Every structure is written in structure tokens, then in C-alpha cells.
C-alpha atoms as a PDB file:
ATOM      1  CA  MET A   1       0.000   0.000   0.000  1.00  0.00           C
ATOM      2  CA  GLU A   2       1.418   3.380  -1.001  1.00  0.00           C
ATOM      3  CA  PHE A   3       0.660   6.537   0.938  1.00  0.00           C
ATOM      4  CA  SER A   4       1.282  10.081  -0.214  1.00  0.00           C
ATOM      5  CA  CYS A   5       2.615  12.402   2.466  1.00  0.00           C
ATOM      6  CA  SER A   6       4.345  15.705   2.829  1.00  0.00           C
ATOM      7  CA  TYR A   7       7.418  15.393   4.975  1.00  0.00           C
ATOM      8  CA  GLY A   8       8.583  18.123   7.299  1.00  0.00           C
ATOM      9  CA  LYS A   9      11.879  18.648   9.066  1.00  0.00           C
ATOM     10  CA  GLN A  10      14.797  16.243   8.815  1.00  0.00           C
ATOM     11  CA  ILE A  11      15.798  14.543  12.055  1.00  0.00           C
ATOM     12  CA  ALA A  12      18.627  12.323  13.189  1.00  0.00           C
ATOM     13  CA  LEU A  13      17.610   8.805  14.153  1.00  0.00           C
ATOM     14  CA  SER A  14      18.181   7.847  17.754  1.00  0.00           C
ATOM     15  CA  PRO A  15      18.188   4.328  19.181  1.00  0.00           C
ATOM     16  CA  ALA A  16      15.600   5.426  21.760  1.00  0.00           C
ATOM     17  CA  MET A  17      13.270   6.925  19.147  1.00  0.00           C
ATOM     18  CA  ILE A  18       9.813   5.390  18.832  1.00  0.00           C
ATOM     19  CA  PHE A  19       7.914   5.209  15.556  1.00  0.00           C
ATOM     20  CA  THR A  20       4.137   4.906  15.481  1.00  0.00           C
ATOM     21  CA  THR A  21       1.671   4.155  12.733  1.00  0.00           C
ATOM     22  CA  ILE A  22      -2.085   4.370  12.988  1.00  0.00           C
ATOM     23  CA  ARG A  23      -3.883   2.986   9.936  1.00  0.00           C
ATOM     24  CA  MET A  24      -7.553   3.753   9.401  1.00  0.00           C
ATOM     25  CA  LYS A  25     -10.229   2.924   6.855  1.00  0.00           C
ATOM     26  CA  VAL A  26     -13.129   5.349   6.906  1.00  0.00           C
ATOM     27  CA  PHE A  27     -16.669   5.046   5.563  1.00  0.00           C
ATOM     28  CA  PRO A  28     -16.766   6.950   2.240  1.00  0.00           C
ATOM     29  CA  ASP A  29     -19.527   9.283   3.463  1.00  0.00           C
ATOM     30  CA  LYS A  30     -17.445  10.144   6.582  1.00  0.00           C
ATOM     31  CA  ARG A  31     -14.151  10.684   4.707  1.00  0.00           C
ATOM     32  CA  LYS A  32     -14.325  14.479   4.551  1.00  0.00           C
ATOM     33  CA  GLU A  33     -15.162  14.772   8.259  1.00  0.00           C
ATOM     34  CA  LEU A  34     -12.301  12.523   9.380  1.00  0.00           C
ATOM     35  CA  PHE A  35      -9.898  14.137   6.903  1.00  0.00           C
ATOM     36  CA  GLN A  36     -10.656  17.590   8.334  1.00  0.00           C
ATOM     37  CA  THR A  37     -10.376  16.354  11.918  1.00  0.00           C
ATOM     38  CA  LEU A  38      -7.007  14.662  11.354  1.00  0.00           C
ATOM     39  CA  THR A  39      -5.667  17.616   9.393  1.00  0.00           C
ATOM     40  CA  SER A  40      -6.519  19.942  12.270  1.00  0.00           C
ATOM     41  CA  LEU A  41      -4.979  17.622  14.895  1.00  0.00           C
ATOM     42  CA  VAL A  42      -1.599  17.086  13.213  1.00  0.00           C
ATOM     43  CA  LYS A  43      -0.224  20.571  13.929  1.00  0.00           C
ATOM     44  CA  SER A  44      -1.128  20.267  17.611  1.00  0.00           C
ATOM     45  CA  ILE A  45       0.393  16.783  17.860  1.00  0.00           C
ATOM     46  CA  ARG A  46       3.623  18.095  16.299  1.00  0.00           C
ATOM     47  CA  ALA A  47       3.799  20.733  19.043  1.00  0.00           C
ATOM     48  CA  GLN A  48       3.683  18.159  21.841  1.00  0.00           C
ATOM     49  CA  LYS A  49       6.859  17.567  23.816  1.00  0.00           C
ATOM     50  CA  GLY A  50       8.926  14.774  22.288  1.00  0.00           C
ATOM     51  CA  CYS A  51       7.159  14.648  18.924  1.00  0.00           C
ATOM     52  CA  SER A  52       9.834  14.778  16.236  1.00  0.00           C
ATOM     53  CA  ARG A  53       7.425  14.221  13.368  1.00  0.00           C
ATOM     54  CA  CYS A  54       3.743  13.647  12.737  1.00  0.00           C
ATOM     55  CA  GLU A  55       2.456  13.104   9.215  1.00  0.00           C
ATOM     56  CA  PHE A  56      -1.064  12.500   8.001  1.00  0.00           C
ATOM     57  CA  CYS A  57      -1.125  10.394   4.827  1.00  0.00           C
ATOM     58  CA  VAL A  58      -3.811   9.254   2.417  1.00  0.00           C
ATOM     59  CA  SER A  59      -3.463   6.000   0.502  1.00  0.00           C
ATOM     60  CA  ALA A  60      -2.611   6.437  -3.162  1.00  0.00           C
ATOM     61  CA  GLU A  61      -4.682   3.310  -3.868  1.00  0.00           C
ATOM     62  CA  ASP A  62      -7.767   3.953  -1.720  1.00  0.00           C
ATOM     63  CA  GLN A  63      -8.771   7.494  -0.765  1.00  0.00           C
ATOM     64  CA  ASN A  64     -10.655   6.109   2.243  1.00  0.00           C
ATOM     65  CA  GLU A  65      -7.490   4.703   3.859  1.00  0.00           C
ATOM     66  CA  PHE A  66      -5.523   7.060   6.079  1.00  0.00           C
ATOM     67  CA  CYS A  67      -2.312   6.670   8.030  1.00  0.00           C
ATOM     68  CA  LEU A  68      -0.955   8.807  10.842  1.00  0.00           C
ATOM     69  CA  LEU A  69       2.813   8.441  11.198  1.00  0.00           C
ATOM     70  CA  GLY A  70       4.663   9.595  14.291  1.00  0.00           C
ATOM     71  CA  GLU A  71       8.223   9.772  15.559  1.00  0.00           C
ATOM     72  CA  TRP A  72       8.725  10.254  19.277  1.00  0.00           C
ATOM     73  CA  GLU A  73      11.952  10.977  21.138  1.00  0.00           C
ATOM     74  CA  ASN A  74      11.182   8.545  23.973  1.00  0.00           C
ATOM     75  CA  ARG A  75       8.500   6.368  25.520  1.00  0.00           C
ATOM     76  CA  GLU A  76       7.705   8.826  28.298  1.00  0.00           C
ATOM     77  CA  ASP A  77       6.739  11.552  25.815  1.00  0.00           C
ATOM     78  CA  LEU A  78       4.702   9.076  23.746  1.00  0.00           C
ATOM     79  CA  ASP A  79       2.882   7.863  26.868  1.00  0.00           C
ATOM     80  CA  THR A  80       2.095  11.468  27.802  1.00  0.00           C
ATOM     81  CA  HIS A  81       0.649  11.973  24.315  1.00  0.00           C
ATOM     82  CA  LEU A  82      -1.403   8.762  24.552  1.00  0.00           C
ATOM     83  CA  GLY A  83      -2.950  10.049  27.790  1.00  0.00           C
ATOM     84  CA  SER A  84      -3.587  13.564  26.485  1.00  0.00           C
ATOM     85  CA  GLU A  85      -6.892  15.249  25.654  1.00  0.00           C
ATOM     86  CA  LEU A  86      -5.607  15.575  22.088  1.00  0.00           C
ATOM     87  CA  PHE A  87      -5.289  11.801  21.748  1.00  0.00           C
ATOM     88  CA  LYS A  88      -8.779  11.405  23.231  1.00  0.00           C
ATOM     89  CA  VAL A  89     -10.103  13.645  20.434  1.00  0.00           C
ATOM     90  CA  LEU A  90      -8.284  11.422  17.934  1.00  0.00           C
ATOM     91  CA  LEU A  91      -9.844   8.305  19.466  1.00  0.00           C
ATOM     92  CA  GLY A  92     -13.263   9.966  19.347  1.00  0.00           C
ATOM     93  CA  ALA A  93     -12.798  10.596  15.633  1.00  0.00           C
ATOM     94  CA  MET A  94     -12.234   6.858  15.209  1.00  0.00           C
ATOM     95  CA  SER A  95     -16.008   6.394  15.490  1.00  0.00           C
ATOM     96  CA  LEU A  96     -16.092   7.339  11.790  1.00  0.00           C
ATOM     97  CA  LEU A  97     -14.053   4.284  10.797  1.00  0.00           C
ATOM     98  CA  LYS A  98     -15.310   1.391   8.722  1.00  0.00           C
ATOM     99  CA  ASN A  99     -12.952  -1.020  10.521  1.00  0.00           C
ATOM    100  CA  PRO A 100     -11.101  -0.750  13.843  1.00  0.00           C
ATOM    101  CA  HIS A 101      -7.882   1.254  13.573  1.00  0.00           C
ATOM    102  CA  GLU A 102      -4.525  -0.520  13.590  1.00  0.00           C
ATOM    103  CA  MET A 103      -1.814   1.044  15.759  1.00  0.00           C
ATOM    104  CA  ASN A 104       1.776  -0.155  15.747  1.00  0.00           C
ATOM    105  CA  LEU A 105       4.787   0.949  17.787  1.00  0.00           C
ATOM    106  CA  TYR A 106       8.314   0.334  16.573  1.00  0.00           C
ATOM    107  CA  THR A 107      11.090   0.734  19.115  1.00  0.00           C
ATOM    108  CA  ASP A 108      13.931  -1.315  17.655  1.00  0.00           C
ATOM    109  CA  VAL A 109      14.420  -0.056  14.140  1.00  0.00           C
ATOM    110  CA  SER A 110      17.620  -1.390  12.690  1.00  0.00           C
ATOM    111  CA  LYS A 111      19.306   0.392   9.832  1.00  0.00           C
ATOM    112  CA  THR A 112      18.805  -1.856   6.837  1.00  0.00           C
ATOM    113  CA  GLU A 113      19.629  -0.772   3.355  1.00  0.00           C
ATOM    114  CA  SER A 114      21.002  -2.288   0.210  1.00  0.00           C
ATOM    115  CA  PRO A 115      24.213  -1.043  -1.412  1.00  0.00           C
ATOM    116  CA  GLU A 116      22.239  -0.410  -4.597  1.00  0.00           C
ATOM    117  CA  LEU A 117      19.835   1.887  -2.766  1.00  0.00           C
ATOM    118  CA  SER A 118      22.696   3.796  -1.151  1.00  0.00           C
ATOM    119  CA  GLU A 119      24.360   4.303  -4.525  1.00  0.00           C
ATOM    120  CA  THR A 120      21.100   5.403  -6.140  1.00  0.00           C
ATOM    121  CA  LEU A 121      20.429   7.933  -3.400  1.00  0.00           C
ATOM    122  CA  ALA A 122      23.998   9.238  -3.469  1.00  0.00           C
ATOM    123  CA  THR A 123      23.818   9.952  -7.207  1.00  0.00           C
ATOM    124  CA  SER A 124      20.338  11.506  -7.146  1.00  0.00           C
END
């Protein structure tokens, strides 16, 4: 599944960094409402302590599939976010979903790349 996103600031990866993904599939007639809600929440999430990046993406294959990507400096800041009023608003918006959301946390992200990819990126 491909998602189109706009990416913000560049950050250095840290071993303690936590990556989050929240995948959602919305009812077609609720798409606009959820899209507007998520768009308005992203800026506030980015301002939370420890949030290095938060991106709202729409599937290139299915306009009713959304993904919220996050990068957090540490677990304490992520836990604070998960207990925040802002996250409660996000969970409330999940009532518009066709299927339950899927949330994943990644805490041990190893650097894996192929030499071909490195060469391609270096010459781009």
C-alpha cells in the first residue's frame, strides 16, 4: 500500500526513538469529516513535547485509507501523548471508521539498506 505524504523537518535517528503508525479505513460518506479532523490535529500533535514528526497520509490506492505516522523521542513523551486530551479527540474521531484502527509501535528499528539503494540515493 502506497501513501502520499508531505514530509517536514529532517531529524537524526536515535536508538531510543519510537515510531508509530495508525492505519484507518473510513466510511466513504465520513471521509471528509475525518480528513478535516485529522488535518486539524496534526499541527497540535507536532507541538507536543517529544514529537519529532507527525504526518497524516492518504493511501494512493484507496482514498478512504488514512495513516498517521509519528516519531517520538522517547517512551515517556509518547505515553504522555497517549494520555492527552488531544489523543482522546483522535480516538473519538475513530467512530467514523469502517474497521477498527490498527496502531503499531516500533522501538527497535535497525538500519537496513542495500548497497544499490545507497548508490542510487547518493547519485540523485
